[in-house]
Amino acid sequence: MALQPTDDVIRIRIDTTEAVAAFLRLLAEQAADGETREPANPAATAIWREIAPFRLVEYAYIDPSVGLIDGAFIGFPNGALYAVEEDIPDHAVTDLVGEGTPRAAALPALYVYVVLRQSTPTRAILSFLTQLSAHIGHSLLGVLPDENGRMVARIVDAEGTQAVAAEAERHLGRQEILERFAARFRRADGRAYAALTLSFARHVLEFADEAERDAFVMWSRHLCDWIFARGGNADALGFAEAFRPAEIAPTPDENIGALRIGIAMPPPDASLETKQATWAALLHAIARPEAKP
């Protein structure tokens, strides 16, 4: 009996050429109905429209059969990787489509990578893609290994797998995706960054190294989980504005000030008073104008 093929990355190919063509057809139909306003760069708008649904998904809740998920990313042809939840810069899309790209020009594909904690049978991946397709609202082109170890592209929608075609492109594996992504989040001297959102304002925090940053991010997650388990009223529990945990952030431009807080994070089982004191010290450090470069 042949072993079921497995993979540790769920790959979804986005046909950018078709996305642009479909959007241009929509614009033509709207123009025929008297709606003549057109975006300055229709091709770029088409790409943003196409990737938008993938940036709104809580991938961890789509289908538990694939196990734990270590992140979801959008990969661009130039090798750039962005987490689905981060702000993708405009130039990432304009570099892809250009400012004056002929409307019929063929464009390279984009990929959505869902990185799994452990290698998973492809039947579970296909189940995940089927559920995700229903969530996104259209069919998906998944790329995964077949029984012979070849990469194949499968059209999947809410009704299950449809067409299957051989896939010749080289595809990134789990470790390569994570290492390439992590490289964006540290400077040559080791400094690493996290972002914390307070009252809808995003603050970039700087740490001496990745270990210090990761400890802060993990502490903020434990804190938010602790608050949620006790009813979710952060203010009443003494943690004003603690509504979401910190996130790993890419290396900021040199002209963007990043705050060094220099606060040791207590263990998850620290007392309530210690948690509150740490949070208060963090808010105070962020609020002090003189602390920012």
C-alpha atoms as a PDB file:
ATOM      1  CA  MET A   1       0.000   0.000   0.000  1.00  0.00           C
ATOM      2  CA  ALA A   2       1.487   3.330  -1.092  1.00  0.00           C
ATOM      3  CA  LEU A   3       2.191   5.817   1.663  1.00  0.00           C
ATOM      4  CA  GLN A   4       0.084   8.944   1.714  1.00  0.00           C
ATOM      5  CA  PRO A   5       2.295  11.908   0.640  1.00  0.00           C
ATOM      6  CA  THR A   6       2.826  14.594   3.250  1.00  0.00           C
ATOM      7  CA  ASP A   7       3.906  18.228   3.308  1.00  0.00           C
ATOM      8  CA  ASP A   8       4.624  20.875   5.931  1.00  0.00           C
ATOM      9  CA  VAL A   9       3.525  23.849   3.811  1.00  0.00           C
ATOM     10  CA  ILE A  10       0.125  24.536   2.269  1.00  0.00           C
ATOM     11  CA  ARG A  11       0.759  26.427  -0.977  1.00  0.00           C
ATOM     12  CA  ILE A  12      -1.870  28.410  -2.879  1.00  0.00           C
ATOM     13  CA  ARG A  13      -0.994  29.909  -6.233  1.00  0.00           C
ATOM     14  CA  ILE A  14      -2.621  33.198  -7.225  1.00  0.00           C
ATOM     15  CA  ASP A  15      -2.926  33.689 -10.983  1.00  0.00           C
ATOM     16  CA  THR A  16      -2.145  37.389 -11.194  1.00  0.00           C
ATOM     17  CA  THR A  17      -2.572  37.554 -14.972  1.00  0.00           C
ATOM     18  CA  GLU A  18      -6.140  36.252 -14.733  1.00  0.00           C
ATOM     19  CA  ALA A  19      -6.854  38.479 -11.716  1.00  0.00           C
ATOM     20  CA  VAL A  20      -5.887  41.573 -13.696  1.00  0.00           C
ATOM     21  CA  ALA A  21      -7.818  40.423 -16.772  1.00  0.00           C
ATOM     22  CA  ALA A  22     -10.950  39.742 -14.701  1.00  0.00           C
ATOM     23  CA  PHE A  23     -10.760  43.162 -13.065  1.00  0.00           C
ATOM     24  CA  LEU A  24     -10.343  44.867 -16.424  1.00  0.00           C
ATOM     25  CA  ARG A  25     -13.424  43.038 -17.683  1.00  0.00           C
ATOM     26  CA  LEU A  26     -15.321  44.289 -14.652  1.00  0.00           C
ATOM     27  CA  LEU A  27     -14.193  47.857 -15.323  1.00  0.00           C
ATOM     28  CA  ALA A  28     -15.326  47.542 -18.944  1.00  0.00           C
ATOM     29  CA  GLU A  29     -18.754  46.330 -17.820  1.00  0.00           C
ATOM     30  CA  GLN A  30     -19.041  49.197 -15.366  1.00  0.00           C
ATOM     31  CA  ALA A  31     -18.032  51.683 -18.069  1.00  0.00           C
ATOM     32  CA  ALA A  32     -20.760  50.273 -20.318  1.00  0.00           C
ATOM     33  CA  ASP A  33     -23.236  50.963 -17.515  1.00  0.00           C
ATOM     34  CA  GLY A  34     -22.057  54.547 -17.221  1.00  0.00           C
ATOM     35  CA  GLU A  35     -19.511  54.090 -14.433  1.00  0.00           C
ATOM     36  CA  THR A  36     -16.355  55.479 -15.987  1.00  0.00           C
ATOM     37  CA  ARG A  37     -14.059  56.110 -13.018  1.00  0.00           C
ATOM     38  CA  GLU A  38     -10.984  53.880 -13.220  1.00  0.00           C
ATOM     39  CA  PRO A  39      -8.153  53.449 -10.703  1.00  0.00           C
ATOM     40  CA  ALA A  40      -4.852  55.116 -11.512  1.00  0.00           C
ATOM     41  CA  ASN A  41      -3.210  51.697 -11.765  1.00  0.00           C
ATOM     42  CA  PRO A  42      -5.911  49.098 -12.528  1.00  0.00           C
ATOM     43  CA  ALA A  43      -3.440  46.202 -12.494  1.00  0.00           C
ATOM     44  CA  ALA A  44      -2.222  47.079  -8.989  1.00  0.00           C
ATOM     45  CA  THR A  45      -5.800  47.475  -7.770  1.00  0.00           C
ATOM     46  CA  ALA A  46      -6.622  44.046  -9.193  1.00  0.00           C
ATOM     47  CA  ILE A  47      -3.763  42.447  -7.249  1.00  0.00           C
ATOM     48  CA  TRP A  48      -4.782  44.131  -3.998  1.00  0.00           C
ATOM     49  CA  ARG A  49      -8.357  42.930  -4.529  1.00  0.00           C
ATOM     50  CA  GLU A  50      -7.147  39.395  -5.169  1.00  0.00           C
ATOM     51  CA  ILE A  51      -4.959  39.068  -2.081  1.00  0.00           C
ATOM     52  CA  ALA A  52      -7.309  40.926   0.287  1.00  0.00           C
ATOM     53  CA  PRO A  53      -9.410  37.883   1.309  1.00  0.00           C
ATOM     54  CA  PHE A  54      -6.290  35.908   2.210  1.00  0.00           C
ATOM     55  CA  ARG A  55      -5.238  38.671   4.613  1.00  0.00           C
ATOM     56  CA  LEU A  56      -8.498  38.499   6.585  1.00  0.00           C
ATOM     57  CA  VAL A  57      -8.513  34.783   7.351  1.00  0.00           C
ATOM     58  CA  GLU A  58      -7.875  33.273  10.791  1.00  0.00           C
ATOM     59  CA  TYR A  59      -6.059  30.264   9.358  1.00  0.00           C
ATOM     60  CA  ALA A  60      -5.819  28.464  12.693  1.00  0.00           C
ATOM     61  CA  TYR A  61      -9.592  27.996  12.736  1.00  0.00           C
ATOM     62  CA  ILE A  62     -10.171  26.783   9.162  1.00  0.00           C
ATOM     63  CA  ASP A  63      -9.607  23.052   9.605  1.00  0.00           C
ATOM     64  CA  PRO A  64      -7.943  21.488  12.672  1.00  0.00           C
ATOM     65  CA  SER A  65      -6.994  18.348  10.741  1.00  0.00           C
ATOM     66  CA  VAL A  66      -3.747  20.006   9.552  1.00  0.00           C
ATOM     67  CA  GLY A  67      -2.562  20.595  13.120  1.00  0.00           C
ATOM     68  CA  LEU A  68      -0.880  23.719  14.447  1.00  0.00           C
ATOM     69  CA  ILE A  69      -0.031  26.547  12.052  1.00  0.00           C
ATOM     70  CA  ASP A  70       3.174  28.568  12.431  1.00  0.00           C
ATOM     71  CA  GLY A  71       2.148  31.433  10.170  1.00  0.00           C
ATOM     72  CA  ALA A  72       0.677  32.434   6.837  1.00  0.00           C
ATOM     73  CA  PHE A  73       2.641  34.447   4.285  1.00  0.00           C
ATOM     74  CA  ILE A  74       2.300  35.980   0.844  1.00  0.00           C
ATOM     75  CA  GLY A  75       5.290  35.388  -1.417  1.00  0.00           C
ATOM     76  CA  PHE A  76       6.194  37.712  -4.276  1.00  0.00           C
ATOM     77  CA  PRO A  77       8.202  36.776  -7.387  1.00  0.00           C
ATOM     78  CA  ASN A  78      11.223  38.799  -6.238  1.00  0.00           C
ATOM     79  CA  GLY A  79      11.551  36.586  -3.161  1.00  0.00           C
ATOM     80  CA  ALA A  80       9.891  38.972  -0.697  1.00  0.00           C
ATOM     81  CA  LEU A  81       7.708  37.369   1.972  1.00  0.00           C
ATOM     82  CA  TYR A  82       5.105  39.187   4.032  1.00  0.00           C
ATOM     83  CA  ALA A  83       2.953  37.861   6.849  1.00  0.00           C
ATOM     84  CA  VAL A  84      -0.689  38.051   5.818  1.00  0.00           C
ATOM     85  CA  GLU A  85      -1.477  40.296   8.793  1.00  0.00           C
ATOM     86  CA  GLU A  86       1.266  42.875   8.254  1.00  0.00           C
ATOM     87  CA  ASP A  87       1.111  46.042   6.174  1.00  0.00           C
ATOM     88  CA  ILE A  88       2.378  45.071   2.740  1.00  0.00           C
ATOM     89  CA  PRO A  89       4.106  48.096   1.163  1.00  0.00           C
ATOM     90  CA  ASP A  90       2.600  49.535  -2.000  1.00  0.00           C
ATOM     91  CA  HIS A  91       5.852  49.031  -3.887  1.00  0.00           C
ATOM     92  CA  ALA A  92       5.560  45.250  -3.468  1.00  0.00           C
ATOM     93  CA  VAL A  93       2.577  45.303  -5.822  1.00  0.00           C
ATOM     94  CA  THR A  94       3.665  48.125  -8.126  1.00  0.00           C
ATOM     95  CA  ASP A  95       7.034  46.417  -8.595  1.00  0.00           C
ATOM     96  CA  LEU A  96       5.096  43.351  -9.716  1.00  0.00           C
ATOM     97  CA  VAL A  97       2.749  45.023 -12.192  1.00  0.00           C
ATOM     98  CA  GLY A  98       4.785  48.136 -13.055  1.00  0.00           C
ATOM     99  CA  GLU A  99       3.422  51.591 -13.684  1.00  0.00           C
ATOM    100  CA  GLY A 100       2.884  51.176 -17.403  1.00  0.00           C
ATOM    101  CA  THR A 101       2.557  47.427 -17.833  1.00  0.00           C
ATOM    102  CA  PRO A 102       0.598  46.536 -20.981  1.00  0.00           C
ATOM    103  CA  ARG A 103      -2.826  45.356 -19.927  1.00  0.00           C
ATOM    104  CA  ALA A 104      -2.440  42.028 -21.695  1.00  0.00           C
ATOM    105  CA  ALA A 105       1.030  41.341 -20.263  1.00  0.00           C
ATOM    106  CA  ALA A 106       1.594  38.024 -18.511  1.00  0.00           C
ATOM    107  CA  LEU A 107       2.508  38.444 -14.851  1.00  0.00           C
ATOM    108  CA  PRO A 108       4.295  36.038 -12.515  1.00  0.00           C
ATOM    109  CA  ALA A 109       2.206  34.276  -9.896  1.00  0.00           C
ATOM    110  CA  LEU A 110       1.953  35.078  -6.208  1.00  0.00           C
ATOM    111  CA  TYR A 111       1.816  32.371  -3.560  1.00  0.00           C
ATOM    112  CA  VAL A 112       0.105  32.109  -0.205  1.00  0.00           C
ATOM    113  CA  TYR A 113       2.121  29.883   2.134  1.00  0.00           C
ATOM    114  CA  VAL A 114       0.480  28.414   5.234  1.00  0.00           C
ATOM    115  CA  VAL A 115       3.321  26.942   7.295  1.00  0.00           C
ATOM    116  CA  LEU A 116       2.427  23.898   9.383  1.00  0.00           C
ATOM    117  CA  ARG A 117       4.073  22.910  12.647  1.00  0.00           C
ATOM    118  CA  GLN A 118       4.379  19.312  11.458  1.00  0.00           C
ATOM    119  CA  SER A 119       4.276  17.517   8.143  1.00  0.00           C
ATOM    120  CA  THR A 120       0.680  16.547   7.335  1.00  0.00           C
ATOM    121  CA  PRO A 121      -0.905  14.060   4.889  1.00  0.00           C
ATOM    122  CA  THR A 122      -2.075  15.694   1.681  1.00  0.00           C
ATOM    123  CA  ARG A 123      -5.640  14.479   2.251  1.00  0.00           C
ATOM    124  CA  ALA A 124      -5.750  16.786   5.303  1.00  0.00           C
ATOM    125  CA  ILE A 125      -4.265  19.614   3.223  1.00  0.00           C
ATOM    126  CA  LEU A 126      -6.941  19.093   0.560  1.00  0.00           C
ATOM    127  CA  SER A 127      -9.591  19.173   3.278  1.00  0.00           C
ATOM    128  CA  PHE A 128      -8.105  22.444   4.539  1.00  0.00           C
ATOM    129  CA  LEU A 129      -8.102  23.919   1.030  1.00  0.00           C
ATOM    130  CA  THR A 130     -11.719  22.883   0.515  1.00  0.00           C
ATOM    131  CA  GLN A 131     -12.765  24.620   3.731  1.00  0.00           C
ATOM    132  CA  LEU A 132     -10.652  27.669   2.913  1.00  0.00           C
ATOM    133  CA  SER A 133     -12.199  27.892  -0.548  1.00  0.00           C
ATOM    134  CA  ALA A 134     -15.665  28.055   1.001  1.00  0.00           C
ATOM    135  CA  HIS A 135     -14.399  30.770   3.356  1.00  0.00           C
ATOM    136  CA  ILE A 136     -12.717  32.824   0.614  1.00  0.00           C
ATOM    137  CA  GLY A 137     -15.660  32.412  -1.756  1.00  0.00           C
ATOM    138  CA  HIS A 138     -13.980  31.014  -4.855  1.00  0.00           C
ATOM    139  CA  SER A 139     -11.906  28.071  -6.022  1.00  0.00           C
ATOM    140  CA  LEU A 140      -8.230  27.836  -5.074  1.00  0.00           C
ATOM    141  CA  LEU A 141      -5.199  26.449  -6.857  1.00  0.00           C
ATOM    142  CA  GLY A 142      -3.322  24.365  -4.329  1.00  0.00           C
ATOM    143  CA  VAL A 143       0.193  23.071  -5.006  1.00  0.00           C
ATOM    144  CA  LEU A 144       1.152  19.862  -3.206  1.00  0.00           C
ATOM    145  CA  PRO A 145       3.035  16.598  -3.758  1.00  0.00           C
ATOM    146  CA  ASP A 146       1.427  13.568  -5.368  1.00  0.00           C
ATOM    147  CA  GLU A 147       2.071   9.878  -4.641  1.00  0.00           C
ATOM    148  CA  ASN A 148       5.249   9.989  -6.759  1.00  0.00           C
ATOM    149  CA  GLY A 149       6.709  13.010  -4.992  1.00  0.00           C
ATOM    150  CA  ARG A 150       6.002  15.364  -7.887  1.00  0.00           C
ATOM    151  CA  MET A 151       4.489  18.762  -7.195  1.00  0.00           C
ATOM    152  CA  VAL A 152       1.070  19.106  -8.788  1.00  0.00           C
ATOM    153  CA  ALA A 153      -1.447  21.942  -8.921  1.00  0.00           C
ATOM    154  CA  ARG A 154      -4.993  21.054  -7.934  1.00  0.00           C
ATOM    155  CA  ILE A 155      -8.042  23.240  -8.399  1.00  0.00           C
ATOM    156  CA  VAL A 156     -10.033  22.966  -5.197  1.00  0.00           C
ATOM    157  CA  ASP A 157     -13.381  24.508  -4.317  1.00  0.00           C
ATOM    158  CA  ALA A 158     -16.121  23.892  -1.775  1.00  0.00           C
ATOM    159  CA  GLU A 159     -17.157  20.798  -3.751  1.00  0.00           C
ATOM    160  CA  GLY A 160     -13.705  19.210  -3.500  1.00  0.00           C
ATOM    161  CA  THR A 161     -10.795  18.624  -5.887  1.00  0.00           C
ATOM    162  CA  GLN A 162     -11.357  19.210  -9.590  1.00  0.00           C
ATOM    163  CA  ALA A 163      -8.587  19.378 -12.208  1.00  0.00           C
ATOM    164  CA  VAL A 164      -5.011  18.260 -11.564  1.00  0.00           C
ATOM    165  CA  ALA A 165      -1.930  19.440 -13.489  1.00  0.00           C
ATOM    166  CA  ALA A 166       1.813  18.917 -13.117  1.00  0.00           C
ATOM    167  CA  GLU A 167       3.657  21.807 -11.492  1.00  0.00           C
ATOM    168  CA  ALA A 168       7.185  22.517 -12.689  1.00  0.00           C
ATOM    169  CA  GLU A 169       8.132  25.522 -10.532  1.00  0.00           C
ATOM    170  CA  ARG A 170      10.442  25.114  -7.563  1.00  0.00           C
ATOM    171  CA  HIS A 171       8.583  25.662  -4.315  1.00  0.00           C
ATOM    172  CA  LEU A 172       9.769  26.847  -0.927  1.00  0.00           C
ATOM    173  CA  GLY A 173       9.792  24.466   2.009  1.00  0.00           C
ATOM    174  CA  ARG A 174       8.887  25.221   5.606  1.00  0.00           C
ATOM    175  CA  GLN A 175      12.410  25.982   6.841  1.00  0.00           C
ATOM    176  CA  GLU A 176      13.272  28.178   3.871  1.00  0.00           C
ATOM    177  CA  ILE A 177      10.077  30.195   4.288  1.00  0.00           C
ATOM    178  CA  LEU A 178      10.654  30.760   7.998  1.00  0.00           C
ATOM    179  CA  GLU A 179      14.353  31.624   7.588  1.00  0.00           C
ATOM    180  CA  ARG A 180      13.699  34.011   4.706  1.00  0.00           C
ATOM    181  CA  PHE A 181      10.915  35.692   6.647  1.00  0.00           C
ATOM    182  CA  ALA A 182      12.978  35.935   9.847  1.00  0.00           C
ATOM    183  CA  ALA A 183      15.803  37.698   7.986  1.00  0.00           C
ATOM    184  CA  ARG A 184      13.523  40.729   7.553  1.00  0.00           C
ATOM    185  CA  PHE A 185      13.139  41.025  11.313  1.00  0.00           C
ATOM    186  CA  ARG A 186      16.671  41.511  12.558  1.00  0.00           C
ATOM    187  CA  ARG A 187      19.547  43.872  11.890  1.00  0.00           C
ATOM    188  CA  ALA A 188      23.107  42.785  11.238  1.00  0.00           C
ATOM    189  CA  ASP A 189      23.990  43.576  14.868  1.00  0.00           C
ATOM    190  CA  GLY A 190      21.203  41.299  16.120  1.00  0.00           C
ATOM    191  CA  ARG A 191      18.622  43.909  17.131  1.00  0.00           C
ATOM    192  CA  ALA A 192      15.050  42.705  16.671  1.00  0.00           C
ATOM    193  CA  TYR A 193      11.643  44.401  16.741  1.00  0.00           C
ATOM    194  CA  ALA A 194       8.047  43.949  17.826  1.00  0.00           C
ATOM    195  CA  ALA A 195       4.919  46.040  17.345  1.00  0.00           C
ATOM    196  CA  LEU A 196       2.387  46.752  20.076  1.00  0.00           C
ATOM    197  CA  THR A 197      -0.931  48.444  19.299  1.00  0.00           C
ATOM    198  CA  LEU A 198      -2.388  50.726  21.970  1.00  0.00           C
ATOM    199  CA  SER A 199      -5.525  52.821  21.350  1.00  0.00           C
ATOM    200  CA  PHE A 200      -5.231  52.074  17.615  1.00  0.00           C
ATOM    201  CA  ALA A 201      -1.678  53.499  17.559  1.00  0.00           C
ATOM    202  CA  ARG A 202       1.103  51.125  16.508  1.00  0.00           C
ATOM    203  CA  HIS A 203       4.325  51.366  18.513  1.00  0.00           C
ATOM    204  CA  VAL A 204       7.556  49.769  17.293  1.00  0.00           C
ATOM    205  CA  LEU A 205       9.702  48.398  20.110  1.00  0.00           C
ATOM    206  CA  GLU A 206      13.382  47.525  19.790  1.00  0.00           C
ATOM    207  CA  PHE A 207      15.146  44.671  21.578  1.00  0.00           C
ATOM    208  CA  ALA A 208      18.784  43.698  21.902  1.00  0.00           C
ATOM    209  CA  ASP A 209      18.229  40.370  20.160  1.00  0.00           C
ATOM    210  CA  GLU A 210      15.587  37.929  18.964  1.00  0.00           C
ATOM    211  CA  ALA A 211      15.475  36.069  22.280  1.00  0.00           C
ATOM    212  CA  GLU A 212      14.601  39.256  24.173  1.00  0.00           C
ATOM    213  CA  ARG A 213      11.989  40.171  21.567  1.00  0.00           C
ATOM    214  CA  ASP A 214      10.467  36.697  21.544  1.00  0.00           C
ATOM    215  CA  ALA A 215      10.229  36.733  25.346  1.00  0.00           C
ATOM    216  CA  PHE A 216       8.274  39.990  25.179  1.00  0.00           C
ATOM    217  CA  VAL A 217       5.935  38.757  22.439  1.00  0.00           C
ATOM    218  CA  MET A 218       5.293  35.510  24.318  1.00  0.00           C
ATOM    219  CA  TRP A 219       4.666  37.394  27.565  1.00  0.00           C
ATOM    220  CA  SER A 220       2.121  39.653  25.852  1.00  0.00           C
ATOM    221  CA  ARG A 221       0.337  36.579  24.468  1.00  0.00           C
ATOM    222  CA  HIS A 222       0.200  34.948  27.887  1.00  0.00           C
ATOM    223  CA  LEU A 223      -1.129  38.202  29.342  1.00  0.00           C
ATOM    224  CA  CYS A 224      -3.894  38.538  26.743  1.00  0.00           C
ATOM    225  CA  ASP A 225      -4.840  34.867  27.200  1.00  0.00           C
ATOM    226  CA  TRP A 226      -4.939  35.413  30.961  1.00  0.00           C
ATOM    227  CA  ILE A 227      -7.194  38.467  30.546  1.00  0.00           C
ATOM    228  CA  PHE A 228      -9.495  36.647  28.131  1.00  0.00           C
ATOM    229  CA  ALA A 229      -9.826  33.679  30.509  1.00  0.00           C
ATOM    230  CA  ARG A 230     -11.083  36.100  33.179  1.00  0.00           C
ATOM    231  CA  GLY A 231     -13.784  37.760  31.135  1.00  0.00           C
ATOM    232  CA  GLY A 232     -11.740  39.915  28.762  1.00  0.00           C
ATOM    233  CA  ASN A 233     -12.212  43.253  30.565  1.00  0.00           C
ATOM    234  CA  ALA A 234      -8.602  44.432  30.489  1.00  0.00           C
ATOM    235  CA  ASP A 235      -9.316  47.811  32.084  1.00  0.00           C
ATOM    236  CA  ALA A 236     -11.155  46.282  35.044  1.00  0.00           C
ATOM    237  CA  LEU A 237      -8.283  43.864  35.632  1.00  0.00           C
ATOM    238  CA  GLY A 238      -5.746  46.687  35.687  1.00  0.00           C
ATOM    239  CA  PHE A 239      -4.338  46.331  32.169  1.00  0.00           C
ATOM    240  CA  ALA A 240      -5.572  49.376  30.281  1.00  0.00           C
ATOM    241  CA  GLU A 241      -5.419  48.984  26.488  1.00  0.00           C
ATOM    242  CA  ALA A 242      -4.187  45.378  26.643  1.00  0.00           C
ATOM    243  CA  PHE A 243      -6.529  44.236  23.901  1.00  0.00           C
ATOM    244  CA  ARG A 244      -4.152  42.318  21.639  1.00  0.00           C
ATOM    245  CA  PRO A 245      -0.685  40.805  22.009  1.00  0.00           C
ATOM    246  CA  ALA A 246       2.474  42.201  20.483  1.00  0.00           C
ATOM    247  CA  GLU A 247       3.594  40.935  17.085  1.00  0.00           C
ATOM    248  CA  ILE A 248       7.020  40.372  15.594  1.00  0.00           C
ATOM    249  CA  ALA A 249       7.736  43.371  13.369  1.00  0.00           C
ATOM    250  CA  PRO A 250      10.055  43.857  10.395  1.00  0.00           C
ATOM    251  CA  THR A 251      13.151  46.001  10.708  1.00  0.00           C
ATOM    252  CA  PRO A 252      11.925  49.611  10.507  1.00  0.00           C
ATOM    253  CA  ASP A 253      13.411  52.270   8.282  1.00  0.00           C
ATOM    254  CA  GLU A 254      16.153  54.255   9.979  1.00  0.00           C
ATOM    255  CA  ASN A 255      13.924  57.354  10.046  1.00  0.00           C
ATOM    256  CA  ILE A 256      11.246  55.527  12.049  1.00  0.00           C
ATOM    257  CA  GLY A 257      11.876  55.763  15.772  1.00  0.00           C
ATOM    258  CA  ALA A 258      11.840  52.478  17.676  1.00  0.00           C
ATOM    259  CA  LEU A 259      11.541  52.500  21.454  1.00  0.00           C
ATOM    260  CA  ARG A 260      13.950  50.548  23.678  1.00  0.00           C
ATOM    261  CA  ILE A 261      11.912  49.765  26.787  1.00  0.00           C
ATOM    262  CA  GLY A 262      14.473  47.765  28.784  1.00  0.00           C
ATOM    263  CA  ILE A 263      11.879  46.026  30.974  1.00  0.00           C
ATOM    264  CA  ALA A 264      12.414  42.436  32.100  1.00  0.00           C
ATOM    265  CA  MET A 265       9.365  40.291  31.384  1.00  0.00           C
ATOM    266  CA  PRO A 266       8.085  38.267  34.368  1.00  0.00           C
ATOM    267  CA  PRO A 267       7.209  34.569  34.028  1.00  0.00           C
ATOM    268  CA  PRO A 268       3.655  33.656  32.968  1.00  0.00           C
ATOM    269  CA  ASP A 269       2.804  32.496  36.504  1.00  0.00           C
ATOM    270  CA  ALA A 270       3.856  35.792  38.105  1.00  0.00           C
ATOM    271  CA  SER A 271       1.506  37.369  40.628  1.00  0.00           C
ATOM    272  CA  LEU A 272      -1.254  39.753  39.582  1.00  0.00           C
ATOM    273  CA  GLU A 273       0.640  42.626  41.178  1.00  0.00           C
ATOM    274  CA  THR A 274       3.774  41.800  39.174  1.00  0.00           C
ATOM    275  CA  LYS A 275       1.792  41.580  35.932  1.00  0.00           C
ATOM    276  CA  GLN A 276       0.117  44.919  36.627  1.00  0.00           C
ATOM    277  CA  ALA A 277       3.408  46.603  37.555  1.00  0.00           C
ATOM    278  CA  THR A 278       5.086  45.342  34.379  1.00  0.00           C
ATOM    279  CA  TRP A 279       2.220  46.554  32.209  1.00  0.00           C
ATOM    280  CA  ALA A 280       2.185  49.949  33.937  1.00  0.00           C
ATOM    281  CA  ALA A 281       5.943  50.313  33.417  1.00  0.00           C
ATOM    282  CA  LEU A 282       5.513  49.439  29.747  1.00  0.00           C
ATOM    283  CA  LEU A 283       2.763  52.036  29.251  1.00  0.00           C
ATOM    284  CA  HIS A 284       4.868  54.634  31.061  1.00  0.00           C
ATOM    285  CA  ALA A 285       7.905  53.907  28.879  1.00  0.00           C
ATOM    286  CA  ILE A 286       5.852  54.238  25.699  1.00  0.00           C
ATOM    287  CA  ALA A 287       4.187  57.451  26.898  1.00  0.00           C
ATOM    288  CA  ARG A 288       7.459  59.266  27.720  1.00  0.00           C
ATOM    289  CA  PRO A 289       8.387  61.426  24.707  1.00  0.00           C
ATOM    290  CA  GLU A 290      12.005  61.634  25.875  1.00  0.00           C
ATOM    291  CA  ALA A 291      12.326  57.849  25.641  1.00  0.00           C
ATOM    292  CA  LYS A 292      11.842  57.872  21.892  1.00  0.00           C
ATOM    293  CA  PRO A 293      14.804  58.529  19.572  1.00  0.00           C
END
